Each structure stands twice: as structure tokens, then as C-alpha cells.
PDB file of N, CA and C in Angstrom:
ATOM      1  N   MET A   1     105.770 103.939  69.149  1.00  0.00           N
ATOM      2  CA  MET A   1     105.772 103.462  67.168  1.00  0.00           C
ATOM      3  C   MET A   1     107.168 103.320  67.444  1.00  0.00           C
ATOM      4  N   PHE A   2     108.428 102.172  66.825  1.00  0.00           N
ATOM      5  CA  PHE A   2     109.036 101.949  66.750  1.00  0.00           C
ATOM      6  C   PHE A   2     109.937 103.007  65.644  1.00  0.00           C
ATOM      7  N   GLU A   3     111.023 103.655  66.016  1.00  0.00           N
ATOM      8  CA  GLU A   3     111.641 104.664  65.136  1.00  0.00           C
ATOM      9  C   GLU A   3     112.932 104.419  65.719  1.00  0.00           C
ATOM     10  N   PRO A   4     114.108 105.059  65.088  1.00  0.00           N
ATOM     11  CA  PRO A   4     115.567 104.928  64.844  1.00  0.00           C
ATOM     12  C   PRO A   4     115.488 106.703  66.035  1.00  0.00           C
ATOM     13  N   GLY A   5     116.031 105.750  67.298  1.00  0.00           N
ATOM     14  CA  GLY A   5     116.554 107.258  68.861  1.00  0.00           C
ATOM     15  C   GLY A   5     114.853 106.684  69.478  1.00  0.00           C
ATOM     16  N   GLY A   6     113.634 106.069  68.827  1.00  0.00           N
ATOM     17  CA  GLY A   6     113.162 105.931  70.147  1.00  0.00           C
ATOM     18  C   GLY A   6     113.563 105.095  70.948  1.00  0.00           C
ATOM     19  N   PRO A   7     112.256 104.802  71.852  1.00  0.00           N
ATOM     20  CA  PRO A   7     112.184 103.864  72.926  1.00  0.00           C
ATOM     21  C   PRO A   7     112.144 102.307  72.277  1.00  0.00           C
ATOM     22  N   GLY A   8     111.474 101.967  71.554  1.00  0.00           N
ATOM     23  CA  GLY A   8     112.693 100.464  71.108  1.00  0.00           C
ATOM     24  C   GLY A   8     112.900 100.287  70.120  1.00  0.00           C
ATOM     25  N   GLU A   9     113.029  98.624  69.480  1.00  0.00           N
ATOM     26  CA  GLU A   9     114.374  98.572  69.022  1.00  0.00           C
ATOM     27  C   GLU A   9     113.760  98.186  67.111  1.00  0.00           C
ATOM     28  N   ILE A  10     113.911  98.059  66.935  1.00  0.00           N
ATOM     29  CA  ILE A  10     113.932  97.278  65.202  1.00  0.00           C
ATOM     30  C   ILE A  10     114.806  96.609  65.695  1.00  0.00           C
ATOM     31  N   ARG A  11     114.793  95.418  65.371  1.00  0.00           N
ATOM     32  CA  ARG A  11     115.503  94.337  65.134  1.00  0.00           C
ATOM     33  C   ARG A  11     115.624  93.448  63.893  1.00  0.00           C
ATOM     34  N   PRO A  12     116.838  92.700  63.723  1.00  0.00           N
ATOM     35  CA  PRO A  12     117.676  92.819  62.190  1.00  0.00           C
ATOM     36  C   PRO A  12     116.797  92.172  60.970  1.00  0.00           C
ATOM     37  N   ASP A  13     115.245  91.434  61.814  1.00  0.00           N
ATOM     38  CA  ASP A  13     114.698  90.390  61.424  1.00  0.00           C
ATOM     39  C   ASP A  13     113.445  91.120  61.101  1.00  0.00           C
ATOM     40  N   GLY A  14     113.286  92.125  61.835  1.00  0.00           N
ATOM     41  CA  GLY A  14     111.858  93.043  61.374  1.00  0.00           C
ATOM     42  C   GLY A  14     111.239  93.576  62.886  1.00  0.00           C
ATOM     43  N   SER A  15     111.213  92.045  63.589  1.00  0.00           N
ATOM     44  CA  SER A  15     110.486  92.227  64.879  1.00  0.00           C
ATOM     45  C   SER A  15     110.842  93.863  65.487  1.00  0.00           C
ATOM     46  N   LEU A  16     110.132  93.293  66.759  1.00  0.00           N
ATOM     47  CA  LEU A  16     110.012  95.011  66.811  1.00  0.00           C
ATOM     48  C   LEU A  16     109.455  94.765  68.513  1.00  0.00           C
ATOM     49  N   ALA A  17     111.091  95.143  69.747  1.00  0.00           N
ATOM     50  CA  ALA A  17     111.344  94.685  70.848  1.00  0.00           C
ATOM     51  C   ALA A  17     111.019  95.955  71.887  1.00  0.00           C
ATOM     52  N   MET A  18     110.568  95.825  72.899  1.00  0.00           N
ATOM     53  CA  MET A  18     110.339  97.228  73.690  1.00  0.00           C
ATOM     54  C   MET A  18     110.220  96.778  74.872  1.00  0.00           C
ATOM     55  N   LYS A  19     111.327  97.799  76.087  1.00  0.00           N
ATOM     56  CA  LYS A  19     110.984  97.504  77.583  1.00  0.00           C
ATOM     57  C   LYS A  19     109.501  97.955  77.968  1.00  0.00           C
ATOM     58  N   PHE A  20     108.473  96.625  78.378  1.00  0.00           N
ATOM     59  CA  PHE A  20     107.711  97.184  80.046  1.00  0.00           C
ATOM     60  C   PHE A  20     107.831  96.978  81.045  1.00  0.00           C
ATOM     61  N   PRO A  21     107.441  97.578  82.068  1.00  0.00           N
ATOM     62  CA  PRO A  21     108.226  97.775  83.537  1.00  0.00           C
ATOM     63  C   PRO A  21     106.264  97.097  84.084  1.00  0.00           C
ATOM     64  N   PHE A  22     106.554  96.580  85.152  1.00  0.00           N
ATOM     65  CA  PHE A  22     105.173  95.740  85.516  1.00  0.00           C
ATOM     66  C   PHE A  22     105.332  95.912  86.844  1.00  0.00           C
ATOM     67  N   MET A  23     104.426  96.957  87.742  1.00  0.00           N
ATOM     68  CA  MET A  23     104.201  97.029  88.778  1.00  0.00           C
ATOM     69  C   MET A  23     103.338  95.802  89.213  1.00  0.00           C
ATOM     70  N   ARG A  24     103.678  94.235  90.014  1.00  0.00           N
ATOM     71  CA  ARG A  24     102.153  93.791  91.964  1.00  0.00           C
ATOM     72  C   ARG A  24     101.661  94.545  92.292  1.00  0.00           C
ATOM     73  N   GLY A  25     100.784  94.531  92.466  1.00  0.00           N
ATOM     74  CA  GLY A  25      99.707  95.104  93.588  1.00  0.00           C
ATOM     75  C   GLY A  25      99.950  94.833  94.882  1.00  0.00           C
ATOM     76  N   GLU A  26      99.550  95.688  95.795  1.00  0.00           N
ATOM     77  CA  GLU A  26     100.313  95.451  97.216  1.00  0.00           C
ATOM     78  C   GLU A  26      99.308  93.817  97.642  1.00  0.00           C
ATOM     79  N   GLY A  27     100.264  93.120  97.960  1.00  0.00           N
ATOM     80  CA  GLY A  27      99.374  91.401  97.964  1.00  0.00           C
ATOM     81  C   GLY A  27      99.830  90.733  97.028  1.00  0.00           C
ATOM     82  N   VAL A  28     100.049  90.862  95.452  1.00  0.00           N
ATOM     83  CA  VAL A  28     100.130  90.282  94.976  1.00  0.00           C
ATOM     84  C   VAL A  28     100.909  89.729  94.168  1.00  0.00           C
ATOM     85  N   VAL A  29     101.467  87.711  94.689  1.00  0.00           N
ATOM     86  CA  VAL A  29     103.340  87.343  94.854  1.00  0.00           C
ATOM     87  C   VAL A  29     102.885  86.577  93.524  1.00  0.00           C
ATOM     88  N   GLY A  30     103.756  86.571  92.924  1.00  0.00           N
ATOM     89  CA  GLY A  30     104.030  85.204  91.543  1.00  0.00           C
ATOM     90  C   GLY A  30     104.866  85.865  90.924  1.00  0.00           C
ATOM     91  N   TYR A  31     105.903  85.386  89.852  1.00  0.00           N
ATOM     92  CA  TYR A  31     106.482  85.294  88.617  1.00  0.00           C
ATOM     93  C   TYR A  31     104.905  86.082  88.058  1.00  0.00           C
ATOM     94  N   VAL A  32     105.413  86.589  87.122  1.00  0.00           N
ATOM     95  CA  VAL A  32     104.492  87.641  85.751  1.00  0.00           C
ATOM     96  C   VAL A  32     104.993  86.583  84.987  1.00  0.00           C
ATOM     97  N   GLU A  33     103.748  85.936  84.118  1.00  0.00           N
ATOM     98  CA  GLU A  33     103.814  85.520  82.755  1.00  0.00           C
ATOM     99  C   GLU A  33     103.425  86.114  81.914  1.00  0.00           C
ATOM    100  N   ILE A  34     103.290  86.101  81.289  1.00  0.00           N
ATOM    101  CA  ILE A  34     103.232  86.593  79.374  1.00  0.00           C
ATOM    102  C   ILE A  34     102.538  86.695  78.443  1.00  0.00           C
ATOM    103  N   THR A  35     101.469  86.671  77.953  1.00  0.00           N
ATOM    104  CA  THR A  35     101.223  86.176  76.619  1.00  0.00           C
ATOM    105  C   THR A  35     100.732  87.381  75.565  1.00  0.00           C
ATOM    106  N   GLY A  36     100.542  87.345  74.269  1.00  0.00           N
ATOM    107  CA  GLY A  36      99.827  88.217  73.422  1.00  0.00           C
ATOM    108  C   GLY A  36      99.393  87.187  71.976  1.00  0.00           C
ATOM    109  N   ARG A  37      98.530  87.881  70.563  1.00  0.00           N
ATOM    110  CA  ARG A  37      98.205  87.614  69.896  1.00  0.00           C
ATOM    111  C   ARG A  37      97.858  88.685  69.072  1.00  0.00           C
ATOM    112  N   LYS A  38      98.544  88.556  68.386  1.00  0.00           N
ATOM    113  CA  LYS A  38      98.381  89.821  67.233  1.00  0.00           C
ATOM    114  C   LYS A  38      97.092  89.710  66.539  1.00  0.00           C
ATOM    115  N   VAL A  39      95.226  90.779  66.963  1.00  0.00           N
ATOM    116  CA  VAL A  39      94.490  90.794  66.912  1.00  0.00           C
ATOM    117  C   VAL A  39      93.596  90.978  65.387  1.00  0.00           C
ATOM    118  N   ASP A  40      95.191  91.755  65.045  1.00  0.00           N
ATOM    119  CA  ASP A  40      94.276  91.870  63.390  1.00  0.00           C
ATOM    120  C   ASP A  40      95.086  91.197  61.964  1.00  0.00           C
ATOM    121  N   GLY A  41      94.163  89.851  61.937  1.00  0.00           N
ATOM    122  CA  GLY A  41      94.842  89.448  60.697  1.00  0.00           C
ATOM    123  C   GLY A  41      95.563  87.815  60.825  1.00  0.00           C
ATOM    124  N   SER A  42      96.574  87.315  60.855  1.00  0.00           N
ATOM    125  CA  SER A  42      97.127  86.517  61.287  1.00  0.00           C
ATOM    126  C   SER A  42      97.247  86.523  62.797  1.00  0.00           C
ATOM    127  N   ALA A  43      97.212  84.813  62.999  1.00  0.00           N
ATOM    128  CA  ALA A  43      97.457  84.461  64.537  1.00  0.00           C
ATOM    129  C   ALA A  43      99.082  85.450  65.072  1.00  0.00           C
ATOM    130  N   GLU A  44      99.838  84.901  65.077  1.00  0.00           N
ATOM    131  CA  GLU A  44     101.159  85.565  65.394  1.00  0.00           C
ATOM    132  C   GLU A  44     101.029  85.307  67.178  1.00  0.00           C
ATOM    133  N   ARG A  45     102.127  85.009  67.862  1.00  0.00           N
ATOM    134  CA  ARG A  45     102.322  84.962  68.921  1.00  0.00           C
ATOM    135  C   ARG A  45     103.204  86.162  68.932  1.00  0.00           C
ATOM    136  N   LEU A  46     102.915  86.780  70.783  1.00  0.00           N
ATOM    137  CA  LEU A  46     103.779  87.556  71.265  1.00  0.00           C
ATOM    138  C   LEU A  46     105.226  87.180  72.376  1.00  0.00           C
ATOM    139  N   THR A  47     106.578  87.443  71.494  1.00  0.00           N
ATOM    140  CA  THR A  47     107.483  86.629  72.635  1.00  0.00           C
ATOM    141  C   THR A  47     107.178  87.228  73.997  1.00  0.00           C
ATOM    142  N   ALA A  48     108.543  87.502  75.212  1.00  0.00           N
ATOM    143  CA  ALA A  48     108.292  88.117  76.308  1.00  0.00           C
ATOM    144  C   ALA A  48     109.770  87.235  76.660  1.00  0.00           C
ATOM    145  N   ARG A  49     110.087  88.406  77.078  1.00  0.00           N
ATOM    146  CA  ARG A  49     111.516  88.661  78.272  1.00  0.00           C
ATOM    147  C   ARG A  49     111.539  88.556  79.052  1.00  0.00           C
ATOM    148  N   ILE A  50     111.012  87.935  80.159  1.00  0.00           N
ATOM    149  CA  ILE A  50     110.833  88.224  82.285  1.00  0.00           C
ATOM    150  C   ILE A  50     112.132  87.567  82.669  1.00  0.00           C
ATOM    151  N   PRO A  51     112.624  88.219  82.993  1.00  0.00           N
ATOM    152  CA  PRO A  51     114.000  87.742  84.246  1.00  0.00           C
ATOM    153  C   PRO A  51     113.442  87.697  85.372  1.00  0.00           C
ATOM    154  N   ARG A  52     113.592  87.094  85.917  1.00  0.00           N
ATOM    155  CA  ARG A  52     112.994  86.269  87.547  1.00  0.00           C
ATOM    156  C   ARG A  52     113.962  86.381  88.110  1.00  0.00           C
ATOM    157  N   GLU A  53     115.373  87.685  87.746  1.00  0.00           N
ATOM    158  CA  GLU A  53     116.154  87.718  88.958  1.00  0.00           C
ATOM    159  C   GLU A  53     115.185  89.340  90.475  1.00  0.00           C
ATOM    160  N   TYR A  54     113.959  89.703  89.402  1.00  0.00           N
ATOM    161  CA  TYR A  54     113.171  90.474  90.157  1.00  0.00           C
ATOM    162  C   TYR A  54     112.135  90.136  91.694  1.00  0.00           C
ATOM    163  N   GLY A  55     112.569  88.217  91.387  1.00  0.00           N
ATOM    164  CA  GLY A  55     111.182  87.868  92.342  1.00  0.00           C
ATOM    165  C   GLY A  55     110.162  87.714  92.291  1.00  0.00           C
ATOM    166  N   GLN A  56     109.086  87.488  92.851  1.00  0.00           N
ATOM    167  CA  GLN A  56     107.627  87.416  93.070  1.00  0.00           C
ATOM    168  C   GLN A  56     106.939  88.623  93.717  1.00  0.00           C
ATOM    169  N   GLU A  57     107.592  89.829  94.128  1.00  0.00           N
ATOM    170  CA  GLU A  57     106.767  91.395  94.327  1.00  0.00           C
ATOM    171  C   GLU A  57     107.419  92.384  94.249  1.00  0.00           C
ATOM    172  N   GLY A  58     106.791  93.384  93.707  1.00  0.00           N
ATOM    173  CA  GLY A  58     106.576  93.879  93.501  1.00  0.00           C
ATOM    174  C   GLY A  58     107.301  94.287  91.608  1.00  0.00           C
ATOM    175  N   PHE A  59     108.120  95.267  91.592  1.00  0.00           N
ATOM    176  CA  PHE A  59     108.644  95.686  90.069  1.00  0.00           C
ATOM    177  C   PHE A  59     108.723  94.197  89.325  1.00  0.00           C
ATOM    178  N   GLN A  60     108.939  94.635  88.300  1.00  0.00           N
ATOM    179  CA  GLN A  60     109.228  93.360  87.558  1.00  0.00           C
ATOM    180  C   GLN A  60     109.330  94.043  86.174  1.00  0.00           C
ATOM    181  N   SER A  61     110.327  93.658  85.542  1.00  0.00           N
ATOM    182  CA  SER A  61     110.887  93.514  83.882  1.00  0.00           C
ATOM    183  C   SER A  61     110.862  93.672  82.770  1.00  0.00           C
ATOM    184  N   THR A  62     110.365  93.778  82.281  1.00  0.00           N
ATOM    185  CA  THR A  62     110.464  92.333  80.827  1.00  0.00           C
ATOM    186  C   THR A  62     110.912  93.365  79.348  1.00  0.00           C
ATOM    187  N   LEU A  63     111.210  92.168  77.800  1.00  0.00           N
ATOM    188  CA  LEU A  63     110.737  92.991  77.120  1.00  0.00           C
ATOM    189  C   LEU A  63     110.225  92.324  76.207  1.00  0.00           C
ATOM    190  N   LEU A  64     109.356  93.259  75.476  1.00  0.00           N
ATOM    191  CA  LEU A  64     107.787  92.171  74.468  1.00  0.00           C
ATOM    192  C   LEU A  64     108.088  92.732  73.618  1.00  0.00           C
ATOM    193  N   VAL A  65     108.734  91.644  72.490  1.00  0.00           N
ATOM    194  CA  VAL A  65     108.928  91.140  71.722  1.00  0.00           C
ATOM    195  C   VAL A  65     107.565  91.145  70.182  1.00  0.00           C
ATOM    196  N   PHE A  66     107.645  91.821  69.594  1.00  0.00           N
ATOM    197  CA  PHE A  66     106.787  91.789  68.243  1.00  0.00           C
ATOM    198  C   PHE A  66     107.280  91.933  67.349  1.00  0.00           C
ATOM    199  N   SER A  67     106.224  91.079  66.514  1.00  0.00           N
ATOM    200  CA  SER A  67     106.890  89.843  65.086  1.00  0.00           C
ATOM    201  C   SER A  67     106.332  91.306  64.051  1.00  0.00           C
ATOM    202  N   ARG A  68     105.765  91.659  64.256  1.00  0.00           N
ATOM    203  CA  ARG A  68     105.066  92.887  63.054  1.00  0.00           C
ATOM    204  C   ARG A  68     104.472  94.160  63.507  1.00  0.00           C
ATOM    205  N   ALA A  69     104.712  94.837  63.196  1.00  0.00           N
ATOM    206  CA  ALA A  69     103.066  95.903  63.466  1.00  0.00           C
ATOM    207  C   ALA A  69     101.940  95.656  63.697  1.00  0.00           C
ATOM    208  N   GLY A  70     101.010  95.817  64.199  1.00  0.00           N
ATOM    209  CA  GLY A  70      99.777  95.593  63.885  1.00  0.00           C
ATOM    210  C   GLY A  70      98.971  96.090  65.794  1.00  0.00           C
ATOM    211  N   CYS A  71      97.636  95.503  65.565  1.00  0.00           N
ATOM    212  CA  CYS A  71      96.708  95.221  66.840  1.00  0.00           C
ATOM    213  C   CYS A  71      97.305  94.261  67.996  1.00  0.00           C
ATOM    214  N   TRP A  72      98.062  93.790  68.899  1.00  0.00           N
ATOM    215  CA  TRP A  72      98.053  93.032  69.648  1.00  0.00           C
ATOM    216  C   TRP A  72      97.633  92.853  70.952  1.00  0.00           C
ATOM    217  N   GLN A  73      96.948  91.955  71.097  1.00  0.00           N
ATOM    218  CA  GLN A  73      96.243  92.429  72.548  1.00  0.00           C
ATOM    219  C   GLN A  73      97.500  91.137  73.097  1.00  0.00           C
ATOM    220  N   VAL A  74      97.873  91.626  74.805  1.00  0.00           N
ATOM    221  CA  VAL A  74      98.637  91.535  76.239  1.00  0.00           C
ATOM    222  C   VAL A  74      97.698  90.459  76.304  1.00  0.00           C
ATOM    223  N   VAL A  75      98.645  89.686  77.379  1.00  0.00           N
ATOM    224  CA  VAL A  75      98.172  89.863  79.017  1.00  0.00           C
ATOM    225  C   VAL A  75      99.015  88.806  79.683  1.00  0.00           C
ATOM    226  N   VAL A  76      98.690  90.147  80.698  1.00  0.00           N
ATOM    227  CA  VAL A  76     100.067  89.331  82.261  1.00  0.00           C
ATOM    228  C   VAL A  76      99.314  89.579  83.607  1.00  0.00           C
ATOM    229  N   THR A  77      99.644  88.348  84.309  1.00  0.00           N
ATOM    230  CA  THR A  77      99.370  87.422  85.044  1.00  0.00           C
ATOM    231  C   THR A  77     100.149  87.785  86.314  1.00  0.00           C
ATOM    232  N   ALA A  78      99.934  87.661  87.758  1.00  0.00           N
ATOM    233  CA  ALA A  78     100.722  87.132  88.339  1.00  0.00           C
ATOM    234  C   ALA A  78     100.109  86.766  89.779  1.00  0.00           C
ATOM    235  N   GLY A  79     100.647  85.470  90.403  1.00  0.00           N
ATOM    236  CA  GLY A  79      99.557  84.740  91.254  1.00  0.00           C
ATOM    237  C   GLY A  79      98.018  84.717  91.023  1.00  0.00           C
ATOM    238  N   SER A  80      97.443  85.376  91.268  1.00  0.00           N
ATOM    239  CA  SER A  80      95.436  85.719  90.564  1.00  0.00           C
ATOM    240  C   SER A  80      95.153  87.006  89.836  1.00  0.00           C
ATOM    241  N   ALA A  81      96.180  87.785  89.867  1.00  0.00           N
ATOM    242  CA  ALA A  81      96.230  88.497  89.231  1.00  0.00           C
ATOM    243  C   ALA A  81      96.413  89.151  87.875  1.00  0.00           C
ATOM    244  N   ARG A  82      95.269  89.772  87.179  1.00  0.00           N
ATOM    245  CA  ARG A  82      95.233  89.433  86.549  1.00  0.00           C
ATOM    246  C   ARG A  82      95.327  90.871  85.063  1.00  0.00           C
ATOM    247  N   LEU A  83      96.157  91.420  84.128  1.00  0.00           N
ATOM    248  CA  LEU A  83      96.527  92.576  83.438  1.00  0.00           C
ATOM    249  C   LEU A  83      96.061  92.469  81.624  1.00  0.00           C
ATOM    250  N   GLU A  84      95.024  92.583  80.901  1.00  0.00           N
ATOM    251  CA  GLU A  84      94.755  92.497  80.014  1.00  0.00           C
ATOM    252  C   GLU A  84      94.956  93.824  79.313  1.00  0.00           C
ATOM    253  N   PHE A  85      95.419  93.969  77.741  1.00  0.00           N
ATOM    254  CA  PHE A  85      95.321  94.892  77.437  1.00  0.00           C
ATOM    255  C   PHE A  85      95.531  95.240  75.844  1.00  0.00           C
ATOM    256  N   VAL A  86      95.495  96.521  74.669  1.00  0.00           N
ATOM    257  CA  VAL A  86      95.207  96.011  74.230  1.00  0.00           C
ATOM    258  C   VAL A  86      96.096  97.100  73.351  1.00  0.00           C
ATOM    259  N   THR A  87      97.201  96.424  71.984  1.00  0.00           N
ATOM    260  CA  THR A  87      98.150  98.208  72.093  1.00  0.00           C
ATOM    261  C   THR A  87      98.309  97.540  70.431  1.00  0.00           C
ATOM    262  N   LYS A  88      98.317  99.247  70.246  1.00  0.00           N
ATOM    263  CA  LYS A  88      98.512  99.534  68.899  1.00  0.00           C
ATOM    264  C   LYS A  88     100.460  99.343  68.777  1.00  0.00           C
ATOM    265  N   VAL A  89     100.637  98.710  67.585  1.00  0.00           N
ATOM    266  CA  VAL A  89     102.173  98.903  67.602  1.00  0.00           C
ATOM    267  C   VAL A  89     102.678  99.138  66.189  1.00  0.00           C
ATOM    268  N   THR A  90     103.280 100.336  65.724  1.00  0.00           N
ATOM    269  CA  THR A  90     103.683 100.985  64.616  1.00  0.00           C
ATOM    270  C   THR A  90     105.163 101.090  64.647  1.00  0.00           C
ATOM    271  N   ARG A  91     104.849 101.655  63.324  1.00  0.00           N
ATOM    272  CA  ARG A  91     106.967 101.955  63.358  1.00  0.00           C
ATOM    273  C   ARG A  91     106.467 103.467  61.799  1.00  0.00           C
ATOM    274  N   ALA A  92     107.496 103.649  62.466  1.00  0.00           N
ATOM    275  CA  ALA A  92     108.153 104.508  61.246  1.00  0.00           C
ATOM    276  C   ALA A  92     108.267 104.329  59.865  1.00  0.00           C
ATOM    277  N   ALA A  93     107.300 105.357  59.329  1.00  0.00           N
ATOM    278  CA  ALA A  93     107.977 105.411  57.755  1.00  0.00           C
ATOM    279  C   ALA A  93     108.792 105.262  57.597  1.00  0.00           C
ATOM    280  N   THR A  94     109.620 104.459  55.914  1.00  0.00           N
ATOM    281  CA  THR A  94     111.039 104.616  56.182  1.00  0.00           C
ATOM    282  C   THR A  94     111.280 105.682  55.233  1.00  0.00           C
ATOM    283  N   SER A  95     112.116 106.572  55.280  1.00  0.00           N
ATOM    284  CA  SER A  95     112.275 107.650  54.081  1.00  0.00           C
ATOM    285  C   SER A  95     112.739 107.474  52.703  1.00  0.00           C
ATOM    286  N   SER A  96     113.189 107.880  51.493  1.00  0.00           N
ATOM    287  CA  SER A  96     113.417 107.449  50.229  1.00  0.00           C
ATOM    288  C   SER A  96     114.388 108.477  50.327  1.00  0.00           C
TER     289      SER A  96
END
């Protein structure tokens, strides 16, 4: 959940950003690539920032930016490895 003081960031444009760590398994070599799309409504796309300084093996830090709350499908690839997951992105209700 994206909320003040939480692990995610609510950006001025309303998008929701959060760091995601990935670990390439043994024998997996290649740059991490990430795609994603909103699956509960419009065909909005996910934006990913993937620093290349981490190289092609082991740990990889990333920043995923969701344009808005909802259900998102995320696909992560590195070399011949693939990870696919669906996540529900929620934003805390604001108090009036």
C-alpha cells in the first residue's frame, strides 16, 4: 500500500513508485528487463527504471512506477529466465 511513511512513493502526477529487488538465480546471466500492464481496466503500461551498474549476474535493484492503483501484471526477464507475477497496487485513503 502506498501511504505517507510507507515503502512506496506517491509522485506529484499521482503515479506510484516503489523499489523492487531481484536476484538472478545461479546460472542466470543477462540484463534484467521488465514490462508490465494494468489488467483491470485500461491498457496502461508500467514504467521500470533498471540501473545497469549492477551488471548481468546476482542482485538487481529496480524502481517500478505504476501510473495508478489497480491490478498489474509484471514480467521480469534476464537471459533465459522469466518471472511473472500479478500484484494489487493500492493507495491509502486520504483523510479529510
